[in-house]
Amino acid sequence: MHQLSHPKIQLGHWPTPLEPMLRINEMHKGPELWVKRDDCTGLAFGGNKTRKLEYLLADAQLRGATTLLTAGGVQSNHARQTAAAAARVGLGCELFLEQVEGISEADYSHSGNLLLDQLLGARLHRLPAGQDLDAAMALRAQTLSTSGQVPYVMPVGGSNAIGAMGYVDCGLELAQQLQQYQLSFDAIVLATGSAGTQAGLLAGLALAGIDIPVLGVTVSRSSDEQCQKVLALLHEVQGLLEQSELHEDHVICFDKYYGSAYGDPTPQMVEAVRLAASLEGLLLDPVYSGKAFAGLLDLVRHGYFDTSERVLFLHTGGAPGLFAYSECLSEP
């Protein structure tokens, strides 16, 4: 297995499990669906951001950081895992959380990830929808610097080239599991938003010499916009790895499953979340993995995959978000 030379710290439980979806496979009679359990990374309910934070926090420590700053929606999974990582290594943490328009459930503003952020000791900055989060973080970083602290600013989702190295790791880890279990997959399906997971995984699989299409189900924007976002970050990651073999044809996204906006609860998401829970004991989240799995199920139903194929679903975590969407997920 390749070893990356970029510094990182240990935050997660590796490797994450690889499991067949036995009851769902029995229900739809092919293609054969499996799940890569990146909800089981171990850091404060787990999730895909743990992999990114191993590299981001190593970089923060090398720079002498005293406080981490990052941003996202009110129910950001990345914010929750950043707060947990900061607590683990003894750094301060400030989260800039943007209100998401169109969601009025009372639990959304008090429960789920938001409650965990507070328990983990983060300082919260609640901002209205449409606020420039990067500008707000930059201003706060300047204030912290003036007071003698060393701030370390991370982008939304931890998705820069350094953070995406965590999913280069995941690609290498998956390659090792495929060899160990003598498995192969015809496609991988995942949620794609801030782009680091899809870009990093593509680069990691290429580094391992494995050509598997990685299909991103978008959570907030059109396929064209998302593909460009992934491709731009992929080029940065390839620059760090001194790669060049991947190009725009390798970036595939589907945009029919996120609803009217980011975080909008859709009937397809609700169906997918209930199906995974009731048949597999698998808890998806309403914003990312639930919508990605809804997309996968729809692609299966419409014959996108051959019934003889084997497809891997990358579960990116986010289960605490279920409690923020209790009204739409509860039985009528």
C-alpha atoms as a PDB file:
ATOM      1  CA  MET A   1       0.000   0.000   0.000  1.00  0.00           C
ATOM      2  CA  HIS A   2       1.219   3.489  -0.872  1.00  0.00           C
ATOM      3  CA  GLN A   3       2.162   5.711   2.058  1.00  0.00           C
ATOM      4  CA  LEU A   4       1.495   9.442   1.706  1.00  0.00           C
ATOM      5  CA  SER A   5       4.311  11.734   2.811  1.00  0.00           C
ATOM      6  CA  HIS A   6       2.036  14.535   4.031  1.00  0.00           C
ATOM      7  CA  PRO A   7       1.847  14.906   7.829  1.00  0.00           C
ATOM      8  CA  LYS A   8      -1.274  13.774   9.663  1.00  0.00           C
ATOM      9  CA  ILE A   9      -2.413  12.874  13.164  1.00  0.00           C
ATOM     10  CA  GLN A  10      -4.488   9.883  14.281  1.00  0.00           C
ATOM     11  CA  LEU A  11      -8.142  10.731  14.947  1.00  0.00           C
ATOM     12  CA  GLY A  12     -10.176   7.898  13.432  1.00  0.00           C
ATOM     13  CA  HIS A  13     -10.710   4.138  13.492  1.00  0.00           C
ATOM     14  CA  TRP A  14      -9.223   2.564  10.363  1.00  0.00           C
ATOM     15  CA  PRO A  15     -10.005   0.801   8.163  1.00  0.00           C
ATOM     16  CA  THR A  16     -13.738   1.443   8.100  1.00  0.00           C
ATOM     17  CA  PRO A  17     -15.892  -1.632   7.387  1.00  0.00           C
ATOM     18  CA  LEU A  18     -16.966  -2.829   3.973  1.00  0.00           C
ATOM     19  CA  GLU A  19     -20.355  -4.594   4.096  1.00  0.00           C
ATOM     20  CA  PRO A  20     -22.972  -6.016   1.713  1.00  0.00           C
ATOM     21  CA  MET A  21     -26.540  -4.672   1.958  1.00  0.00           C
ATOM     22  CA  LEU A  22     -28.058  -8.123   2.147  1.00  0.00           C
ATOM     23  CA  ARG A  23     -31.742  -7.335   2.698  1.00  0.00           C
ATOM     24  CA  ILE A  24     -31.846  -4.435   0.251  1.00  0.00           C
ATOM     25  CA  ASN A  25     -30.139  -6.629  -2.354  1.00  0.00           C
ATOM     26  CA  GLU A  26     -32.785  -9.290  -1.792  1.00  0.00           C
ATOM     27  CA  MET A  27     -35.485  -6.658  -2.282  1.00  0.00           C
ATOM     28  CA  HIS A  28     -34.367  -5.240  -5.632  1.00  0.00           C
ATOM     29  CA  LYS A  29     -32.618  -8.329  -7.111  1.00  0.00           C
ATOM     30  CA  GLY A  30     -29.512  -6.577  -8.430  1.00  0.00           C
ATOM     31  CA  PRO A  31     -27.184  -4.870  -8.906  1.00  0.00           C
ATOM     32  CA  GLU A  32     -25.410  -6.006  -5.747  1.00  0.00           C
ATOM     33  CA  LEU A  33     -25.056  -3.078  -3.331  1.00  0.00           C
ATOM     34  CA  TRP A  34     -22.335  -2.733  -0.702  1.00  0.00           C
ATOM     35  CA  VAL A  35     -21.534   0.042   1.767  1.00  0.00           C
ATOM     36  CA  LYS A  36     -18.212   1.530   2.898  1.00  0.00           C
ATOM     37  CA  ARG A  37     -18.917   2.582   6.494  1.00  0.00           C
ATOM     38  CA  ASP A  38     -17.256   5.961   6.831  1.00  0.00           C
ATOM     39  CA  ASP A  39     -19.958   6.726   9.371  1.00  0.00           C
ATOM     40  CA  CYS A  40     -17.826   4.526  11.662  1.00  0.00           C
ATOM     41  CA  THR A  41     -14.716   6.715  11.814  1.00  0.00           C
ATOM     42  CA  GLY A  42     -15.159   7.073  15.568  1.00  0.00           C
ATOM     43  CA  LEU A  43     -14.817  10.822  16.202  1.00  0.00           C
ATOM     44  CA  ALA A  44     -17.968  12.216  17.877  1.00  0.00           C
ATOM     45  CA  PHE A  45     -20.443   9.995  15.963  1.00  0.00           C
ATOM     46  CA  GLY A  46     -17.996   9.665  13.059  1.00  0.00           C
ATOM     47  CA  GLY A  47     -18.295  10.710   9.439  1.00  0.00           C
ATOM     48  CA  ASN A  48     -16.171  11.548   6.427  1.00  0.00           C
ATOM     49  CA  LYS A  49     -14.680  14.746   7.854  1.00  0.00           C
ATOM     50  CA  THR A  50     -12.513  12.754  10.286  1.00  0.00           C
ATOM     51  CA  ARG A  51     -10.248  11.686   7.435  1.00  0.00           C
ATOM     52  CA  LYS A  52      -9.802  15.302   6.310  1.00  0.00           C
ATOM     53  CA  LEU A  53      -9.211  16.577   9.831  1.00  0.00           C
ATOM     54  CA  GLU A  54      -6.293  14.204  10.366  1.00  0.00           C
ATOM     55  CA  TYR A  55      -4.382  16.194   7.744  1.00  0.00           C
ATOM     56  CA  LEU A  56      -5.810  19.626   8.542  1.00  0.00           C
ATOM     57  CA  LEU A  57      -4.990  19.416  12.248  1.00  0.00           C
ATOM     58  CA  ALA A  58      -1.486  18.195  11.526  1.00  0.00           C
ATOM     59  CA  ASP A  59      -1.015  21.272   9.343  1.00  0.00           C
ATOM     60  CA  ALA A  60      -2.537  23.487  12.060  1.00  0.00           C
ATOM     61  CA  GLN A  61      -0.134  22.113  14.647  1.00  0.00           C
ATOM     62  CA  LEU A  62       2.859  22.618  12.354  1.00  0.00           C
ATOM     63  CA  ARG A  63       1.825  26.263  12.049  1.00  0.00           C
ATOM     64  CA  GLY A  64       1.543  26.669  15.814  1.00  0.00           C
ATOM     65  CA  ALA A  65      -2.206  27.219  15.780  1.00  0.00           C
ATOM     66  CA  THR A  66      -4.064  27.862  19.020  1.00  0.00           C
ATOM     67  CA  THR A  67      -7.607  28.115  17.628  1.00  0.00           C
ATOM     68  CA  LEU A  68      -9.406  26.427  14.744  1.00  0.00           C
ATOM     69  CA  LEU A  69     -11.976  28.377  12.727  1.00  0.00           C
ATOM     70  CA  THR A  70     -14.339  26.794  10.243  1.00  0.00           C
ATOM     71  CA  ALA A  71     -17.807  27.303   8.787  1.00  0.00           C
ATOM     72  CA  GLY A  72     -20.918  25.557   7.513  1.00  0.00           C
ATOM     73  CA  GLY A  73     -24.678  25.354   7.891  1.00  0.00           C
ATOM     74  CA  VAL A  74     -26.299  25.277  11.320  1.00  0.00           C
ATOM     75  CA  GLN A  75     -26.313  21.470  11.259  1.00  0.00           C
ATOM     76  CA  SER A  76     -22.838  21.080   9.727  1.00  0.00           C
ATOM     77  CA  ASN A  77     -21.266  17.651  10.221  1.00  0.00           C
ATOM     78  CA  HIS A  78     -17.862  19.150   9.505  1.00  0.00           C
ATOM     79  CA  ALA A  79     -18.327  21.726  12.273  1.00  0.00           C
ATOM     80  CA  ARG A  80     -19.213  19.007  14.781  1.00  0.00           C
ATOM     81  CA  GLN A  81     -16.207  16.860  13.929  1.00  0.00           C
ATOM     82  CA  THR A  82     -13.895  19.899  13.930  1.00  0.00           C
ATOM     83  CA  ALA A  83     -15.084  20.763  17.447  1.00  0.00           C
ATOM     84  CA  ALA A  84     -14.406  17.172  18.514  1.00  0.00           C
ATOM     85  CA  ALA A  85     -10.946  17.145  16.949  1.00  0.00           C
ATOM     86  CA  ALA A  86     -10.083  20.452  18.628  1.00  0.00           C
ATOM     87  CA  ALA A  87     -11.172  19.045  21.991  1.00  0.00           C
ATOM     88  CA  ARG A  88      -9.100  15.908  21.392  1.00  0.00           C
ATOM     89  CA  VAL A  89      -5.847  17.824  20.787  1.00  0.00           C
ATOM     90  CA  GLY A  90      -6.463  20.784  23.107  1.00  0.00           C
ATOM     91  CA  LEU A  91      -7.076  23.608  20.628  1.00  0.00           C
ATOM     92  CA  GLY A  92      -9.732  26.292  20.746  1.00  0.00           C
ATOM     93  CA  CYS A  93     -12.542  26.063  18.206  1.00  0.00           C
ATOM     94  CA  GLU A  94     -14.869  28.691  16.765  1.00  0.00           C
ATOM     95  CA  LEU A  95     -17.658  27.725  14.369  1.00  0.00           C
ATOM     96  CA  PHE A  96     -19.382  30.093  11.947  1.00  0.00           C
ATOM     97  CA  LEU A  97     -22.797  28.588  11.298  1.00  0.00           C
ATOM     98  CA  GLU A  98     -25.128  29.906   8.614  1.00  0.00           C
ATOM     99  CA  GLN A  99     -28.889  29.590   8.919  1.00  0.00           C
ATOM    100  CA  VAL A 100     -30.363  27.487   6.104  1.00  0.00           C
ATOM    101  CA  GLU A 101     -33.401  29.059   4.469  1.00  0.00           C
ATOM    102  CA  GLY A 102     -36.688  27.206   4.279  1.00  0.00           C
ATOM    103  CA  ILE A 103     -36.225  24.950   7.316  1.00  0.00           C
ATOM    104  CA  SER A 104     -38.495  25.856  10.217  1.00  0.00           C
ATOM    105  CA  GLU A 105     -38.383  22.770  12.436  1.00  0.00           C
ATOM    106  CA  ALA A 106     -37.757  23.734  16.058  1.00  0.00           C
ATOM    107  CA  ASP A 107     -35.258  20.898  16.511  1.00  0.00           C
ATOM    108  CA  TYR A 108     -33.124  22.271  13.670  1.00  0.00           C
ATOM    109  CA  SER A 109     -31.970  25.219  15.758  1.00  0.00           C
ATOM    110  CA  HIS A 110     -31.445  23.359  19.028  1.00  0.00           C
ATOM    111  CA  SER A 111     -30.750  19.642  18.546  1.00  0.00           C
ATOM    112  CA  GLY A 112     -28.564  17.383  16.408  1.00  0.00           C
ATOM    113  CA  ASN A 113     -25.116  18.644  15.508  1.00  0.00           C
ATOM    114  CA  LEU A 114     -25.753  22.029  17.090  1.00  0.00           C
ATOM    115  CA  LEU A 115     -26.211  20.494  20.534  1.00  0.00           C
ATOM    116  CA  LEU A 116     -23.045  18.437  20.044  1.00  0.00           C
ATOM    117  CA  ASP A 117     -21.055  21.520  19.009  1.00  0.00           C
ATOM    118  CA  GLN A 118     -21.899  23.066  22.360  1.00  0.00           C
ATOM    119  CA  LEU A 119     -21.105  19.920  24.346  1.00  0.00           C
ATOM    120  CA  LEU A 120     -17.744  19.702  22.585  1.00  0.00           C
ATOM    121  CA  GLY A 121     -16.842  23.188  23.811  1.00  0.00           C
ATOM    122  CA  ALA A 122     -16.869  25.175  20.581  1.00  0.00           C
ATOM    123  CA  ARG A 123     -17.676  28.879  20.452  1.00  0.00           C
ATOM    124  CA  LEU A 124     -20.584  29.400  18.062  1.00  0.00           C
ATOM    125  CA  HIS A 125     -21.188  32.361  15.754  1.00  0.00           C
ATOM    126  CA  ARG A 126     -24.723  32.143  14.348  1.00  0.00           C
ATOM    127  CA  LEU A 127     -25.083  34.018  11.052  1.00  0.00           C
ATOM    128  CA  PRO A 128     -28.112  34.701   8.824  1.00  0.00           C
ATOM    129  CA  ALA A 129     -28.511  32.977   5.453  1.00  0.00           C
ATOM    130  CA  GLY A 130     -26.453  34.546   2.691  1.00  0.00           C
ATOM    131  CA  GLN A 131     -23.693  35.818   4.973  1.00  0.00           C
ATOM    132  CA  ASP A 132     -20.124  35.736   3.636  1.00  0.00           C
ATOM    133  CA  LEU A 133     -18.700  33.059   5.930  1.00  0.00           C
ATOM    134  CA  ASP A 134     -15.145  33.421   4.638  1.00  0.00           C
ATOM    135  CA  ALA A 135     -15.195  37.164   5.330  1.00  0.00           C
ATOM    136  CA  ALA A 136     -16.581  36.594   8.821  1.00  0.00           C
ATOM    137  CA  MET A 137     -13.845  34.073   9.612  1.00  0.00           C
ATOM    138  CA  ALA A 138     -11.142  36.350   8.203  1.00  0.00           C
ATOM    139  CA  LEU A 139     -12.288  39.218  10.396  1.00  0.00           C
ATOM    140  CA  ARG A 140     -12.344  37.017  13.496  1.00  0.00           C
ATOM    141  CA  ALA A 141      -8.924  35.590  12.632  1.00  0.00           C
ATOM    142  CA  GLN A 142      -7.544  39.118  12.483  1.00  0.00           C
ATOM    143  CA  THR A 143      -8.991  39.873  15.922  1.00  0.00           C
ATOM    144  CA  LEU A 144      -7.529  36.678  17.382  1.00  0.00           C
ATOM    145  CA  SER A 145      -4.131  37.420  15.872  1.00  0.00           C
ATOM    146  CA  THR A 146      -4.151  40.901  17.392  1.00  0.00           C
ATOM    147  CA  SER A 147      -4.802  39.376  20.809  1.00  0.00           C
ATOM    148  CA  GLY A 148      -1.774  37.086  20.491  1.00  0.00           C
ATOM    149  CA  GLN A 149      -3.486  33.869  19.364  1.00  0.00           C
ATOM    150  CA  VAL A 150      -2.673  31.890  16.224  1.00  0.00           C
ATOM    151  CA  PRO A 151      -5.841  31.140  14.261  1.00  0.00           C
ATOM    152  CA  TYR A 152      -6.076  28.383  11.663  1.00  0.00           C
ATOM    153  CA  VAL A 153      -8.913  28.878   9.157  1.00  0.00           C
ATOM    154  CA  MET A 154     -10.410  25.856   7.417  1.00  0.00           C
ATOM    155  CA  PRO A 155     -12.848  26.128   4.485  1.00  0.00           C
ATOM    156  CA  VAL A 156     -16.400  24.800   4.509  1.00  0.00           C
ATOM    157  CA  GLY A 157     -16.263  21.006   4.689  1.00  0.00           C
ATOM    158  CA  GLY A 158     -12.518  21.008   5.244  1.00  0.00           C
ATOM    159  CA  SER A 159     -12.310  20.674   1.480  1.00  0.00           C
ATOM    160  CA  ASN A 160      -9.024  22.102   0.348  1.00  0.00           C
ATOM    161  CA  ALA A 161      -6.133  20.117  -1.093  1.00  0.00           C
ATOM    162  CA  ILE A 162      -4.756  19.308   2.372  1.00  0.00           C
ATOM    163  CA  GLY A 163      -8.104  18.067   3.679  1.00  0.00           C
ATOM    164  CA  ALA A 164      -8.802  16.068   0.523  1.00  0.00           C
ATOM    165  CA  MET A 165      -5.680  14.012   1.246  1.00  0.00           C
ATOM    166  CA  GLY A 166      -7.863  12.178   3.765  1.00  0.00           C
ATOM    167  CA  TYR A 167      -9.837  10.706   0.880  1.00  0.00           C
ATOM    168  CA  VAL A 168      -6.686   9.885  -1.019  1.00  0.00           C
ATOM    169  CA  ASP A 169      -6.065   7.728   2.065  1.00  0.00           C
ATOM    170  CA  CYS A 170      -9.562   6.279   1.710  1.00  0.00           C
ATOM    171  CA  GLY A 171      -8.896   5.308  -1.917  1.00  0.00           C
ATOM    172  CA  LEU A 172      -5.711   3.517  -0.876  1.00  0.00           C
ATOM    173  CA  GLU A 173      -7.501   1.847   2.044  1.00  0.00           C
ATOM    174  CA  LEU A 174     -10.295   0.656  -0.231  1.00  0.00           C
ATOM    175  CA  ALA A 175      -7.774  -0.751  -2.713  1.00  0.00           C
ATOM    176  CA  GLN A 176      -6.229  -2.784   0.089  1.00  0.00           C
ATOM    177  CA  GLN A 177      -9.647  -4.090   1.170  1.00  0.00           C
ATOM    178  CA  LEU A 178     -10.523  -5.106  -2.383  1.00  0.00           C
ATOM    179  CA  GLN A 179      -7.331  -7.113  -2.554  1.00  0.00           C
ATOM    180  CA  GLN A 180      -7.873  -8.617   0.909  1.00  0.00           C
ATOM    181  CA  TYR A 181     -11.473  -9.695   0.215  1.00  0.00           C
ATOM    182  CA  GLN A 182     -10.927 -10.443  -3.495  1.00  0.00           C
ATOM    183  CA  LEU A 183     -13.684  -8.007  -4.435  1.00  0.00           C
ATOM    184  CA  SER A 184     -14.246  -5.621  -7.299  1.00  0.00           C
ATOM    185  CA  PHE A 185     -16.775  -2.819  -7.811  1.00  0.00           C
ATOM    186  CA  ASP A 186     -18.201  -1.403 -11.006  1.00  0.00           C
ATOM    187  CA  ALA A 187     -19.040   2.002  -9.494  1.00  0.00           C
ATOM    188  CA  ILE A 188     -18.896   3.999  -6.268  1.00  0.00           C
ATOM    189  CA  VAL A 189     -21.726   6.369  -5.295  1.00  0.00           C
ATOM    190  CA  LEU A 190     -21.373   9.154  -2.725  1.00  0.00           C
ATOM    191  CA  ALA A 191     -22.762  12.523  -1.689  1.00  0.00           C
ATOM    192  CA  THR A 192     -20.811  15.467  -3.097  1.00  0.00           C
ATOM    193  CA  GLY A 193     -20.943  18.992  -1.695  1.00  0.00           C
ATOM    194  CA  SER A 194     -17.735  20.788  -0.767  1.00  0.00           C
ATOM    195  CA  ALA A 195     -15.964  18.393  -3.198  1.00  0.00           C
ATOM    196  CA  GLY A 196     -13.103  17.093  -1.035  1.00  0.00           C
ATOM    197  CA  THR A 197     -14.446  13.561  -0.635  1.00  0.00           C
ATOM    198  CA  GLN A 198     -15.046  12.960  -4.345  1.00  0.00           C
ATOM    199  CA  ALA A 199     -11.829  14.662  -5.497  1.00  0.00           C
ATOM    200  CA  GLY A 200      -9.662  12.913  -2.924  1.00  0.00           C
ATOM    201  CA  LEU A 201     -11.179   9.495  -3.571  1.00  0.00           C
ATOM    202  CA  LEU A 202     -10.651   9.830  -7.326  1.00  0.00           C
ATOM    203  CA  ALA A 203      -7.009  10.723  -6.756  1.00  0.00           C
ATOM    204  CA  GLY A 204      -6.499   7.917  -4.229  1.00  0.00           C
ATOM    205  CA  LEU A 205      -7.959   5.243  -6.487  1.00  0.00           C
ATOM    206  CA  ALA A 206      -5.788   6.453  -9.363  1.00  0.00           C
ATOM    207  CA  LEU A 207      -2.738   6.337  -7.107  1.00  0.00           C
ATOM    208  CA  ALA A 208      -3.616   2.715  -6.310  1.00  0.00           C
ATOM    209  CA  GLY A 209      -3.997   1.922 -10.009  1.00  0.00           C
ATOM    210  CA  ILE A 210      -7.748   1.227  -9.755  1.00  0.00           C
ATOM    211  CA  ASP A 211     -10.212   2.555 -12.341  1.00  0.00           C
ATOM    212  CA  ILE A 212     -13.680   2.655 -10.747  1.00  0.00           C
ATOM    213  CA  PRO A 213     -16.181   5.378 -11.739  1.00  0.00           C
ATOM    214  CA  VAL A 214     -16.984   7.636  -8.751  1.00  0.00           C
ATOM    215  CA  LEU A 215     -20.522   9.009  -9.066  1.00  0.00           C
ATOM    216  CA  GLY A 216     -21.324  12.075  -6.984  1.00  0.00           C
ATOM    217  CA  VAL A 217     -24.912  12.889  -5.993  1.00  0.00           C
ATOM    218  CA  THR A 218     -24.969  16.651  -5.498  1.00  0.00           C
ATOM    219  CA  VAL A 219     -26.451  18.183  -2.330  1.00  0.00           C
ATOM    220  CA  SER A 220     -26.674  21.853  -3.287  1.00  0.00           C
ATOM    221  CA  ARG A 221     -25.891  22.710  -6.899  1.00  0.00           C
ATOM    222  CA  SER A 222     -26.201  21.666 -10.544  1.00  0.00           C
ATOM    223  CA  SER A 223     -24.138  18.854 -12.008  1.00  0.00           C
ATOM    224  CA  ASP A 224     -22.133  21.263 -14.158  1.00  0.00           C
ATOM    225  CA  GLU A 225     -21.272  23.518 -11.220  1.00  0.00           C
ATOM    226  CA  GLN A 226     -20.404  20.594  -8.981  1.00  0.00           C
ATOM    227  CA  CYS A 227     -18.248  18.888 -11.602  1.00  0.00           C
ATOM    228  CA  GLN A 228     -16.252  22.082 -12.040  1.00  0.00           C
ATOM    229  CA  LYS A 229     -15.830  22.395  -8.281  1.00  0.00           C
ATOM    230  CA  VAL A 230     -14.633  18.797  -7.953  1.00  0.00           C
ATOM    231  CA  LEU A 231     -12.345  19.101 -10.967  1.00  0.00           C
ATOM    232  CA  ALA A 232     -10.678  22.274  -9.662  1.00  0.00           C
ATOM    233  CA  LEU A 233      -9.941  20.622  -6.321  1.00  0.00           C
ATOM    234  CA  LEU A 234      -8.864  17.380  -8.023  1.00  0.00           C
ATOM    235  CA  HIS A 235      -6.229  19.350  -9.954  1.00  0.00           C
ATOM    236  CA  GLU A 236      -4.914  20.819  -6.690  1.00  0.00           C
ATOM    237  CA  VAL A 237      -4.730  17.376  -5.094  1.00  0.00           C
ATOM    238  CA  GLN A 238      -2.983  15.953  -8.139  1.00  0.00           C
ATOM    239  CA  GLY A 239      -0.483  18.793  -7.839  1.00  0.00           C
ATOM    240  CA  LEU A 240       0.360  17.726  -4.282  1.00  0.00           C
ATOM    241  CA  LEU A 241       0.667  14.102  -5.407  1.00  0.00           C
ATOM    242  CA  GLU A 242       2.486  14.975  -8.644  1.00  0.00           C
ATOM    243  CA  GLN A 243      -0.253  13.201 -10.606  1.00  0.00           C
ATOM    244  CA  SER A 244      -1.719  14.198 -13.950  1.00  0.00           C
ATOM    245  CA  GLU A 245      -3.668  11.236 -15.311  1.00  0.00           C
ATOM    246  CA  LEU A 246      -7.179  12.336 -14.236  1.00  0.00           C
ATOM    247  CA  HIS A 247      -9.281  14.834 -16.200  1.00  0.00           C
ATOM    248  CA  GLU A 248     -12.843  16.113 -16.539  1.00  0.00           C
ATOM    249  CA  ASP A 249     -14.191  12.837 -17.973  1.00  0.00           C
ATOM    250  CA  HIS A 250     -13.495  11.183 -14.605  1.00  0.00           C
ATOM    251  CA  VAL A 251     -15.775  13.609 -12.712  1.00  0.00           C
ATOM    252  CA  ILE A 252     -19.441  12.503 -12.822  1.00  0.00           C
ATOM    253  CA  CYS A 253     -22.283  14.150 -10.867  1.00  0.00           C
ATOM    254  CA  PHE A 254     -26.077  13.821 -10.667  1.00  0.00           C
ATOM    255  CA  ASP A 255     -28.214  16.774  -9.567  1.00  0.00           C
ATOM    256  CA  LYS A 256     -31.815  15.501  -9.427  1.00  0.00           C
ATOM    257  CA  TYR A 257     -31.947  14.502  -5.780  1.00  0.00           C
ATOM    258  CA  TYR A 258     -31.229  17.458  -3.484  1.00  0.00           C
ATOM    259  CA  GLY A 259     -34.607  19.190  -3.829  1.00  0.00           C
ATOM    260  CA  SER A 260     -35.009  22.951  -4.055  1.00  0.00           C
ATOM    261  CA  ALA A 261     -31.927  23.822  -2.013  1.00  0.00           C
ATOM    262  CA  TYR A 262     -29.255  22.553   0.379  1.00  0.00           C
ATOM    263  CA  GLY A 263     -30.824  20.834   3.366  1.00  0.00           C
ATOM    264  CA  ASP A 264     -34.309  20.712   1.816  1.00  0.00           C
ATOM    265  CA  PRO A 265     -36.015  17.501   3.024  1.00  0.00           C
ATOM    266  CA  THR A 266     -37.310  15.575   0.009  1.00  0.00           C
ATOM    267  CA  PRO A 267     -39.766  12.643  -0.145  1.00  0.00           C
ATOM    268  CA  GLN A 268     -37.075  10.541  -1.853  1.00  0.00           C
ATOM    269  CA  MET A 269     -34.645  11.231   1.002  1.00  0.00           C
ATOM    270  CA  VAL A 270     -37.240  10.263   3.599  1.00  0.00           C
ATOM    271  CA  GLU A 271     -37.931   7.009   1.740  1.00  0.00           C
ATOM    272  CA  ALA A 272     -34.207   6.221   1.463  1.00  0.00           C
ATOM    273  CA  VAL A 273     -33.517   6.958   5.144  1.00  0.00           C
ATOM    274  CA  ARG A 274     -36.430   4.775   6.278  1.00  0.00           C
ATOM    275  CA  LEU A 275     -35.495   1.957   3.897  1.00  0.00           C
ATOM    276  CA  ALA A 276     -31.855   1.816   4.997  1.00  0.00           C
ATOM    277  CA  ALA A 277     -32.859   1.914   8.660  1.00  0.00           C
ATOM    278  CA  SER A 278     -35.671  -0.646   8.493  1.00  0.00           C
ATOM    279  CA  LEU A 279     -33.887  -3.176   6.257  1.00  0.00           C
ATOM    280  CA  GLU A 280     -30.209  -2.749   7.167  1.00  0.00           C
ATOM    281  CA  GLY A 281     -30.133  -1.037  10.562  1.00  0.00           C
ATOM    282  CA  LEU A 282     -28.168   1.661   8.725  1.00  0.00           C
ATOM    283  CA  LEU A 283     -28.692   5.284   9.788  1.00  0.00           C
ATOM    284  CA  LEU A 284     -28.264   7.796   6.970  1.00  0.00           C
ATOM    285  CA  ASP A 285     -28.526  11.562   7.337  1.00  0.00           C
ATOM    286  CA  PRO A 286     -31.095  13.927   5.778  1.00  0.00           C
ATOM    287  CA  VAL A 287     -28.686  16.274   3.974  1.00  0.00           C
ATOM    288  CA  TYR A 288     -25.922  14.118   2.478  1.00  0.00           C
ATOM    289  CA  SER A 289     -25.996  10.329   2.716  1.00  0.00           C
ATOM    290  CA  GLY A 290     -29.815  10.142   2.665  1.00  0.00           C
ATOM    291  CA  LYS A 291     -29.998  12.059  -0.590  1.00  0.00           C
ATOM    292  CA  ALA A 292     -27.063  10.184  -2.085  1.00  0.00           C
ATOM    293  CA  PHE A 293     -28.701   6.860  -1.272  1.00  0.00           C
ATOM    294  CA  ALA A 294     -31.987   8.138  -2.730  1.00  0.00           C
ATOM    295  CA  GLY A 295     -30.050   8.882  -5.899  1.00  0.00           C
ATOM    296  CA  LEU A 296     -28.478   5.436  -5.925  1.00  0.00           C
ATOM    297  CA  LEU A 297     -31.858   3.744  -5.499  1.00  0.00           C
ATOM    298  CA  ASP A 298     -33.314   5.812  -8.334  1.00  0.00           C
ATOM    299  CA  LEU A 299     -30.411   4.945 -10.636  1.00  0.00           C
ATOM    300  CA  VAL A 300     -30.929   1.259  -9.802  1.00  0.00           C
ATOM    301  CA  ARG A 301     -34.671   1.452 -10.508  1.00  0.00           C
ATOM    302  CA  HIS A 302     -34.088   3.146 -13.857  1.00  0.00           C
ATOM    303  CA  GLY A 303     -31.526   0.593 -15.044  1.00  0.00           C
ATOM    304  CA  TYR A 304     -28.425   2.770 -14.890  1.00  0.00           C
ATOM    305  CA  PHE A 305     -26.480  -0.239 -13.622  1.00  0.00           C
ATOM    306  CA  ASP A 306     -26.537  -3.729 -15.078  1.00  0.00           C
ATOM    307  CA  THR A 307     -28.107  -6.253 -12.708  1.00  0.00           C
ATOM    308  CA  SER A 308     -24.855  -8.248 -12.729  1.00  0.00           C
ATOM    309  CA  GLU A 309     -22.788  -5.306 -11.431  1.00  0.00           C
ATOM    310  CA  ARG A 310     -21.568  -4.609  -7.901  1.00  0.00           C
ATOM    311  CA  VAL A 311     -21.920  -1.021  -6.632  1.00  0.00           C
ATOM    312  CA  LEU A 312     -20.369   0.517  -3.516  1.00  0.00           C
ATOM    313  CA  PHE A 313     -22.154   3.229  -1.536  1.00  0.00           C
ATOM    314  CA  LEU A 314     -19.811   5.447   0.482  1.00  0.00           C
ATOM    315  CA  HIS A 315     -21.638   6.303   3.716  1.00  0.00           C
ATOM    316  CA  THR A 316     -20.264   9.688   4.780  1.00  0.00           C
ATOM    317  CA  GLY A 317     -22.011   9.745   8.173  1.00  0.00           C
ATOM    318  CA  GLY A 318     -24.128  12.569   9.608  1.00  0.00           C
ATOM    319  CA  ALA A 319     -26.565  10.595  11.789  1.00  0.00           C
ATOM    320  CA  PRO A 320     -26.886  13.414  14.408  1.00  0.00           C
ATOM    321  CA  GLY A 321     -28.693  15.399  11.707  1.00  0.00           C
ATOM    322  CA  LEU A 322     -31.632  12.987  11.973  1.00  0.00           C
ATOM    323  CA  PHE A 323     -32.639  14.599  15.249  1.00  0.00           C
ATOM    324  CA  ALA A 324     -32.793  18.023  13.587  1.00  0.00           C
ATOM    325  CA  TYR A 325     -35.307  16.705  11.022  1.00  0.00           C
ATOM    326  CA  SER A 326     -37.553  14.799  13.403  1.00  0.00           C
ATOM    327  CA  GLU A 327     -40.806  16.289  12.091  1.00  0.00           C
ATOM    328  CA  CYS A 328     -40.347  15.144   8.509  1.00  0.00           C
ATOM    329  CA  LEU A 329     -38.867  11.756   9.434  1.00  0.00           C
ATOM    330  CA  SER A 330     -41.387  10.744  12.101  1.00  0.00           C
ATOM    331  CA  GLU A 331     -44.216   8.435  11.082  1.00  0.00           C
ATOM    332  CA  PRO A 332     -47.397  10.402  10.208  1.00  0.00           C
END
